[in-house]
Amino acid sequence: MASELRVDRIIPVNGVPTGGGGGIIKVVQSQVASSVSSTTSTYADTGLSASITPTSSSNKILVIVYTGHCSKTAADTQIDFKVFRDSTEIYFFSSLNTNSAVADTSNITIHYLDSPATTSSITYKTQLRNRDNVGTVAANLNGSSEITLMEISG
């Protein structure tokens, strides 16, 4: 006969540390294999998204975004990234702030601990833009970007 252990929450023997949770409850990961580029300052979806349904409204979601090989083709512009929980912006990041006409970075990694306060399904996604409408900015040029969501017990 097989045994099965099911729990809604994991709490360490010495209790939950101040400001911390008790453990990872669930992990969701999604990948995208196509590149995305922009010539305008209007934010556009990158195609990278993942959904998770927290088991408790006191739990947190650790959002980890990895965007492979980003570049720009003109001086005086930047790549701006936003991370959204559903339609709410939760994180902003700007990259490649150089004066050179062409600049590359091997990847961009973002870590954000979110407190969504819900037990409903939520979707996290990323968007990018070409801040100054100069040249072209691009992300995921090596065909490998991913988003990982970890539910942390509160």
C-alpha atoms as a PDB file:
ATOM      1  CA  MET A   1       0.000   0.000   0.000  1.00  0.00           C
ATOM      2  CA  ALA A   2       1.363   3.423  -0.988  1.00  0.00           C
ATOM      3  CA  SER A   3       1.454   6.293   1.485  1.00  0.00           C
ATOM      4  CA  GLU A   4       0.546   9.838   0.599  1.00  0.00           C
ATOM      5  CA  LEU A   5       1.176  13.027   2.534  1.00  0.00           C
ATOM      6  CA  ARG A   6      -0.867  16.133   1.733  1.00  0.00           C
ATOM      7  CA  VAL A   7      -0.461  19.487   3.425  1.00  0.00           C
ATOM      8  CA  ASP A   8      -1.755  23.012   2.898  1.00  0.00           C
ATOM      9  CA  ARG A   9       1.114  24.659   4.707  1.00  0.00           C
ATOM     10  CA  ILE A  10       4.616  23.777   5.870  1.00  0.00           C
ATOM     11  CA  ILE A  11       5.934  25.381   9.044  1.00  0.00           C
ATOM     12  CA  PRO A  12       9.448  24.689  10.375  1.00  0.00           C
ATOM     13  CA  VAL A  13       9.806  23.118  13.849  1.00  0.00           C
ATOM     14  CA  ASN A  14      11.022  26.433  15.324  1.00  0.00           C
ATOM     15  CA  GLY A  15       8.213  28.413  13.713  1.00  0.00           C
ATOM     16  CA  VAL A  16       8.140  30.739  10.734  1.00  0.00           C
ATOM     17  CA  PRO A  17      11.045  33.218  10.728  1.00  0.00           C
ATOM     18  CA  THR A  18      10.179  36.916  10.973  1.00  0.00           C
ATOM     19  CA  GLY A  19       9.408  38.233   7.495  1.00  0.00           C
ATOM     20  CA  GLY A  20       9.786  34.780   5.969  1.00  0.00           C
ATOM     21  CA  GLY A  21       7.713  31.824   4.975  1.00  0.00           C
ATOM     22  CA  GLY A  22       7.787  28.180   5.822  1.00  0.00           C
ATOM     23  CA  GLY A  23       8.609  26.586   2.486  1.00  0.00           C
ATOM     24  CA  ILE A  24       7.933  26.199  -1.208  1.00  0.00           C
ATOM     25  CA  ILE A  25       4.472  24.838  -1.940  1.00  0.00           C
ATOM     26  CA  LYS A  26       4.375  24.819  -5.721  1.00  0.00           C
ATOM     27  CA  VAL A  27       6.576  25.701  -8.709  1.00  0.00           C
ATOM     28  CA  VAL A  28       5.351  26.672 -12.193  1.00  0.00           C
ATOM     29  CA  GLN A  29       7.633  27.362 -15.135  1.00  0.00           C
ATOM     30  CA  SER A  30       7.049  28.520 -18.689  1.00  0.00           C
ATOM     31  CA  GLN A  31       9.445  29.081 -21.581  1.00  0.00           C
ATOM     32  CA  VAL A  32       9.320  30.987 -24.839  1.00  0.00           C
ATOM     33  CA  ALA A  33      11.551  30.227 -27.807  1.00  0.00           C
ATOM     34  CA  SER A  34      10.929  33.195 -30.101  1.00  0.00           C
ATOM     35  CA  SER A  35      12.661  36.569 -30.073  1.00  0.00           C
ATOM     36  CA  VAL A  36      10.829  39.874 -29.701  1.00  0.00           C
ATOM     37  CA  SER A  37      11.866  43.324 -30.900  1.00  0.00           C
ATOM     38  CA  SER A  38      10.539  46.878 -30.742  1.00  0.00           C
ATOM     39  CA  THR A  39      11.116  50.198 -32.474  1.00  0.00           C
ATOM     40  CA  THR A  40       8.542  52.147 -30.446  1.00  0.00           C
ATOM     41  CA  SER A  41       8.102  53.354 -26.872  1.00  0.00           C
ATOM     42  CA  THR A  42       4.800  51.484 -26.543  1.00  0.00           C
ATOM     43  CA  TYR A  43       5.058  48.442 -24.269  1.00  0.00           C
ATOM     44  CA  ALA A  44       4.471  45.099 -26.016  1.00  0.00           C
ATOM     45  CA  ASP A  45       4.043  41.588 -24.636  1.00  0.00           C
ATOM     46  CA  THR A  46       7.141  39.412 -24.930  1.00  0.00           C
ATOM     47  CA  GLY A  47       5.096  36.208 -25.060  1.00  0.00           C
ATOM     48  CA  LEU A  48       6.553  35.109 -21.726  1.00  0.00           C
ATOM     49  CA  SER A  49       3.868  34.335 -19.143  1.00  0.00           C
ATOM     50  CA  ALA A  50       2.846  31.785 -16.520  1.00  0.00           C
ATOM     51  CA  SER A  51      -0.175  31.273 -14.264  1.00  0.00           C
ATOM     52  CA  ILE A  52      -0.429  30.022 -10.693  1.00  0.00           C
ATOM     53  CA  THR A  53      -3.237  29.616  -8.149  1.00  0.00           C
ATOM     54  CA  PRO A  54      -2.047  30.263  -4.581  1.00  0.00           C
ATOM     55  CA  THR A  55      -3.378  27.881  -1.931  1.00  0.00           C
ATOM     56  CA  SER A  56      -3.602  30.647   0.696  1.00  0.00           C
ATOM     57  CA  SER A  57      -4.035  34.411   0.467  1.00  0.00           C
ATOM     58  CA  SER A  58      -1.159  34.846   2.960  1.00  0.00           C
ATOM     59  CA  ASN A  59       1.304  33.087   0.652  1.00  0.00           C
ATOM     60  CA  LYS A  60       3.817  34.920  -1.518  1.00  0.00           C
ATOM     61  CA  ILE A  61       4.920  34.280  -5.083  1.00  0.00           C
ATOM     62  CA  LEU A  62       8.609  34.438  -5.981  1.00  0.00           C
ATOM     63  CA  VAL A  63       8.769  35.554  -9.628  1.00  0.00           C
ATOM     64  CA  ILE A  64      12.003  34.772 -11.479  1.00  0.00           C
ATOM     65  CA  VAL A  65      12.342  36.018 -15.060  1.00  0.00           C
ATOM     66  CA  TYR A  66      15.271  35.113 -17.292  1.00  0.00           C
ATOM     67  CA  THR A  67      15.470  36.870 -20.665  1.00  0.00           C
ATOM     68  CA  GLY A  68      18.248  35.630 -22.907  1.00  0.00           C
ATOM     69  CA  HIS A  69      20.456  37.886 -25.041  1.00  0.00           C
ATOM     70  CA  CYS A  70      19.137  41.434 -25.297  1.00  0.00           C
ATOM     71  CA  SER A  71      20.457  44.080 -27.687  1.00  0.00           C
ATOM     72  CA  LYS A  72      19.916  47.539 -29.169  1.00  0.00           C
ATOM     73  CA  THR A  73      20.966  49.017 -32.511  1.00  0.00           C
ATOM     74  CA  ALA A  74      21.201  52.745 -31.735  1.00  0.00           C
ATOM     75  CA  ALA A  75      22.808  55.074 -29.206  1.00  0.00           C
ATOM     76  CA  ASP A  76      20.722  56.965 -26.654  1.00  0.00           C
ATOM     77  CA  THR A  77      18.023  54.373 -26.163  1.00  0.00           C
ATOM     78  CA  GLN A  78      17.237  51.749 -23.546  1.00  0.00           C
ATOM     79  CA  ILE A  79      15.275  48.543 -23.235  1.00  0.00           C
ATOM     80  CA  ASP A  80      12.609  48.880 -20.545  1.00  0.00           C
ATOM     81  CA  PHE A  81      11.000  45.761 -19.049  1.00  0.00           C
ATOM     82  CA  LYS A  82       7.889  45.480 -16.915  1.00  0.00           C
ATOM     83  CA  VAL A  83       6.548  42.485 -15.013  1.00  0.00           C
ATOM     84  CA  PHE A  84       2.795  42.302 -14.474  1.00  0.00           C
ATOM     85  CA  ARG A  85       0.532  40.350 -12.148  1.00  0.00           C
ATOM     86  CA  ASP A  86      -2.597  40.169 -14.293  1.00  0.00           C
ATOM     87  CA  SER A  87      -2.992  43.836 -15.337  1.00  0.00           C
ATOM     88  CA  THR A  88      -1.038  45.307 -12.384  1.00  0.00           C
ATOM     89  CA  GLU A  89       2.569  46.365 -12.931  1.00  0.00           C
ATOM     90  CA  ILE A  90       4.689  44.951 -10.098  1.00  0.00           C
ATOM     91  CA  TYR A  91       8.257  45.495 -11.325  1.00  0.00           C
ATOM     92  CA  PHE A  92      10.179  47.802 -13.687  1.00  0.00           C
ATOM     93  CA  PHE A  93      13.708  47.308 -15.008  1.00  0.00           C
ATOM     94  CA  SER A  94      15.768  49.280 -17.540  1.00  0.00           C
ATOM     95  CA  SER A  95      18.812  47.882 -19.322  1.00  0.00           C
ATOM     96  CA  LEU A  96      21.517  48.761 -21.848  1.00  0.00           C
ATOM     97  CA  ASN A  97      21.931  52.393 -20.859  1.00  0.00           C
ATOM     98  CA  THR A  98      25.082  53.030 -22.909  1.00  0.00           C
ATOM     99  CA  ASN A  99      26.058  55.690 -25.422  1.00  0.00           C
ATOM    100  CA  SER A 100      27.389  53.208 -27.946  1.00  0.00           C
ATOM    101  CA  ALA A 101      25.389  52.633 -31.108  1.00  0.00           C
ATOM    102  CA  VAL A 102      25.211  48.877 -30.565  1.00  0.00           C
ATOM    103  CA  ALA A 103      25.119  47.188 -27.185  1.00  0.00           C
ATOM    104  CA  ASP A 104      24.480  43.640 -26.065  1.00  0.00           C
ATOM    105  CA  THR A 105      23.987  41.914 -22.757  1.00  0.00           C
ATOM    106  CA  SER A 106      24.088  38.164 -22.397  1.00  0.00           C
ATOM    107  CA  ASN A 107      20.849  37.992 -20.385  1.00  0.00           C
ATOM    108  CA  ILE A 108      18.658  39.779 -17.896  1.00  0.00           C
ATOM    109  CA  THR A 109      17.441  38.101 -14.717  1.00  0.00           C
ATOM    110  CA  ILE A 110      14.759  39.598 -12.484  1.00  0.00           C
ATOM    111  CA  HIS A 111      13.751  38.309  -9.025  1.00  0.00           C
ATOM    112  CA  TYR A 112      10.674  39.706  -7.296  1.00  0.00           C
ATOM    113  CA  LEU A 113       8.797  38.497  -4.201  1.00  0.00           C
ATOM    114  CA  ASP A 114       5.123  39.323  -4.712  1.00  0.00           C
ATOM    115  CA  SER A 115       2.281  39.332  -2.184  1.00  0.00           C
ATOM    116  CA  PRO A 116      -0.848  38.858  -4.322  1.00  0.00           C
ATOM    117  CA  ALA A 117      -3.224  38.263  -1.357  1.00  0.00           C
ATOM    118  CA  THR A 118      -5.524  35.968  -3.316  1.00  0.00           C
ATOM    119  CA  THR A 119      -6.432  32.330  -3.885  1.00  0.00           C
ATOM    120  CA  SER A 120      -7.631  33.006  -7.432  1.00  0.00           C
ATOM    121  CA  SER A 121      -5.580  32.128 -10.490  1.00  0.00           C
ATOM    122  CA  ILE A 122      -3.106  34.882 -11.395  1.00  0.00           C
ATOM    123  CA  THR A 123      -0.971  35.332 -14.495  1.00  0.00           C
ATOM    124  CA  TYR A 124       2.472  36.903 -14.522  1.00  0.00           C
ATOM    125  CA  LYS A 125       3.855  38.246 -17.796  1.00  0.00           C
ATOM    126  CA  THR A 126       6.563  40.526 -19.167  1.00  0.00           C
ATOM    127  CA  GLN A 127       6.515  43.443 -21.576  1.00  0.00           C
ATOM    128  CA  LEU A 128       9.292  45.467 -23.189  1.00  0.00           C
ATOM    129  CA  ARG A 129       9.667  48.732 -25.063  1.00  0.00           C
ATOM    130  CA  ASN A 130      12.204  50.857 -26.890  1.00  0.00           C
ATOM    131  CA  ARG A 131      12.223  53.825 -24.508  1.00  0.00           C
ATOM    132  CA  ASP A 132      13.391  56.494 -26.973  1.00  0.00           C
ATOM    133  CA  ASN A 133      11.967  55.256 -30.311  1.00  0.00           C
ATOM    134  CA  VAL A 134      15.520  55.079 -31.695  1.00  0.00           C
ATOM    135  CA  GLY A 135      16.713  52.043 -33.634  1.00  0.00           C
ATOM    136  CA  THR A 136      15.571  48.607 -32.534  1.00  0.00           C
ATOM    137  CA  VAL A 137      15.730  46.856 -29.184  1.00  0.00           C
ATOM    138  CA  ALA A 138      15.413  43.085 -28.968  1.00  0.00           C
ATOM    139  CA  ALA A 139      15.213  40.334 -26.382  1.00  0.00           C
ATOM    140  CA  ASN A 140      15.485  36.568 -26.403  1.00  0.00           C
ATOM    141  CA  LEU A 141      17.789  36.551 -29.409  1.00  0.00           C
ATOM    142  CA  ASN A 142      19.252  33.183 -28.419  1.00  0.00           C
ATOM    143  CA  GLY A 143      15.815  31.572 -28.264  1.00  0.00           C
ATOM    144  CA  SER A 144      15.667  30.885 -24.547  1.00  0.00           C
ATOM    145  CA  SER A 145      13.658  32.887 -22.012  1.00  0.00           C
ATOM    146  CA  GLU A 146      11.708  31.608 -19.039  1.00  0.00           C
ATOM    147  CA  ILE A 147       9.558  32.623 -16.128  1.00  0.00           C
ATOM    148  CA  THR A 148       9.438  30.625 -12.901  1.00  0.00           C
ATOM    149  CA  LEU A 149       6.792  31.129 -10.203  1.00  0.00           C
ATOM    150  CA  MET A 150       7.285  29.674  -6.718  1.00  0.00           C
ATOM    151  CA  GLU A 151       4.508  29.762  -4.152  1.00  0.00           C
ATOM    152  CA  ILE A 152       6.054  30.358  -0.719  1.00  0.00           C
ATOM    153  CA  SER A 153       4.009  29.601   2.392  1.00  0.00           C
ATOM    154  CA  GLY A 154       3.308  32.710   4.425  1.00  0.00           C
END
